[in-house]
């Protein structure tokens, strides 16, 4: 649990530079890779800072350490069409440019609007 708290503090500290908008989901799930007596917390979401970047995260946080999971950040292009602009394992960042308003989505979260500056 302390690892999850430290992970949250690290993310919050990085976002303190700009405006923090956090959306995410955290709930406990048993992990088949762990011993029977251990539980893991699933954590997925994103935050954005001053409209200049989006950071997405997707982890299983267990007593033995964090397990990074695959994730992506996608930009809306047209109905039913999404472009993957960043992907990775555990955490990834997308730096948006220009001055466009657009809609994005990340693994484990609903779509959200952002104005790049």
Protein backbone atom coordinates (compact mmCIF):
# COMPACT_ATOMS: atom_id res chain seq x y z
CA UNK A 1 0.00 0.00 0.00
CA UNK A 2 2.91 2.37 0.72
CA UNK A 3 4.15 1.83 -2.85
CA UNK A 4 0.74 2.95 -4.17
CA UNK A 5 0.81 6.06 -1.95
CA UNK A 6 4.36 6.90 -3.06
CA UNK A 7 3.38 6.32 -6.70
CA UNK A 8 0.45 8.71 -6.26
CA UNK A 9 2.65 11.36 -4.64
CA UNK A 10 5.16 11.09 -7.49
CA UNK A 11 2.44 11.61 -10.09
CA UNK A 12 0.84 14.48 -8.19
CA UNK A 13 4.21 16.21 -7.78
CA UNK A 14 4.84 16.01 -11.53
CA UNK A 15 1.45 17.52 -12.26
CA UNK A 16 1.81 20.41 -9.79
CA UNK A 17 3.60 22.42 -12.49
CA UNK A 18 0.39 23.05 -14.40
CA UNK A 19 -3.32 22.62 -13.98
CA UNK A 20 -4.12 19.14 -12.72
CA UNK A 21 -7.13 17.30 -14.02
CA UNK A 22 -7.17 13.71 -12.83
CA UNK A 23 -9.60 11.05 -13.95
CA UNK A 24 -9.07 7.45 -13.08
CA UNK A 25 -10.26 4.26 -11.56
CA UNK A 26 -8.78 2.36 -8.65
CA UNK A 27 -10.18 -0.90 -7.32
CA UNK A 28 -8.86 -4.09 -5.75
CA UNK A 29 -8.53 -7.24 -7.82
CA UNK A 30 -6.84 -10.49 -6.98
CA UNK A 31 -3.83 -11.10 -9.19
CA UNK A 32 -3.31 -14.68 -10.38
CA UNK A 33 0.47 -14.10 -10.50
CA UNK A 34 0.56 -13.31 -6.78
CA UNK A 35 0.29 -15.63 -3.78
CA UNK A 36 -3.25 -16.40 -2.65
CA UNK A 37 -3.04 -14.07 0.37
CA UNK A 38 -2.03 -10.99 -1.68
CA UNK A 39 -4.32 -8.51 -3.38
CA UNK A 40 -3.42 -5.96 -6.00
CA UNK A 41 -4.89 -2.57 -6.82
CA UNK A 42 -5.66 -1.75 -10.44
CA UNK A 43 -4.94 1.88 -11.27
CA UNK A 44 -5.66 3.45 -14.65
CA UNK A 45 -6.25 7.06 -15.61
CA UNK A 46 -4.69 10.23 -16.90
CA UNK A 47 -3.86 13.79 -15.99
CA UNK A 48 -3.11 16.82 -18.10
CA UNK A 49 -1.13 19.96 -17.36
CA UNK A 50 -2.09 23.39 -18.70
CA UNK A 51 -3.27 21.88 -21.98
CA UNK A 52 0.27 21.09 -23.10
CA UNK A 53 0.60 17.38 -22.34
CA UNK A 54 -1.35 14.30 -21.30
CA UNK A 55 0.10 11.59 -19.06
CA UNK A 56 -1.70 8.23 -18.97
CA UNK A 57 -0.99 5.42 -16.53
CA UNK A 58 -2.06 1.78 -16.19
CA UNK A 59 -0.67 -0.39 -13.34
CA UNK A 60 -1.37 -3.28 -11.03
CA UNK A 61 0.14 -2.24 -7.69
CA UNK A 62 0.92 -5.29 -5.57
CA UNK A 63 2.85 -5.87 -2.35
CA UNK A 64 5.78 -7.24 -4.35
CA UNK A 65 5.93 -4.18 -6.63
CA UNK A 66 4.15 -2.47 -9.49
CA UNK A 67 3.21 -4.38 -12.63
CA UNK A 68 3.08 -2.03 -15.65
CA UNK A 69 0.27 -2.81 -18.12
CA UNK A 70 -0.10 -1.82 -21.78
CA UNK A 71 -1.81 1.52 -22.46
CA UNK A 72 -2.35 4.07 -25.18
CA UNK A 73 -3.48 7.66 -25.71
CA UNK A 74 -5.76 8.13 -28.71
CA UNK A 75 -6.95 11.28 -30.51
CA UNK A 76 -10.44 11.50 -32.05
CA UNK A 77 -10.37 12.04 -35.83
CA UNK A 78 -13.94 11.35 -36.99
CA UNK A 79 -16.91 9.20 -35.91
CA UNK A 80 -15.52 5.77 -35.10
CA UNK A 81 -11.93 6.73 -36.03
CA UNK A 82 -9.22 7.18 -33.36
CA UNK A 83 -5.50 7.73 -33.94
CA UNK A 84 -3.01 6.33 -31.41
CA UNK A 85 -0.63 9.20 -30.58
CA UNK A 86 1.31 7.51 -27.73
CA UNK A 87 1.55 4.04 -26.24
CA UNK A 88 3.66 2.12 -23.78
CA UNK A 89 3.65 0.08 -20.59
CA UNK A 90 2.84 1.54 -17.18
CA UNK A 91 2.99 5.23 -18.08
CA UNK A 92 3.24 7.27 -21.27
CA UNK A 93 3.13 10.97 -22.19
CA UNK A 94 1.76 12.80 -25.24
CA UNK A 95 2.86 16.40 -25.87
CA UNK A 96 0.20 18.11 -27.94
CA UNK A 97 1.08 21.10 -30.08
CA UNK A 98 -0.65 23.92 -31.87
CA UNK A 99 -3.80 25.57 -30.60
CA UNK A 100 -6.38 22.94 -31.49
CA UNK A 101 -9.25 21.72 -29.40
CA UNK A 102 -9.57 17.94 -29.60
CA UNK A 103 -10.96 14.92 -27.80
CA UNK A 104 -8.71 12.15 -26.46
CA UNK A 105 -9.12 8.86 -24.63
CA UNK A 106 -6.72 6.66 -22.70
CA UNK A 107 -6.77 3.01 -21.68
CA UNK A 108 -9.23 2.56 -18.81
CA UNK A 109 -10.82 6.04 -18.97
CA UNK A 110 -13.62 7.83 -20.79
CA UNK A 111 -12.93 10.33 -23.56
CA UNK A 112 -12.06 13.90 -22.53
CA UNK A 113 -11.60 17.25 -24.33
CA UNK A 114 -8.39 19.30 -24.18
CA UNK A 115 -7.27 22.61 -25.71
CA UNK A 116 -3.59 22.47 -26.67
CA UNK A 117 -1.58 25.61 -26.26
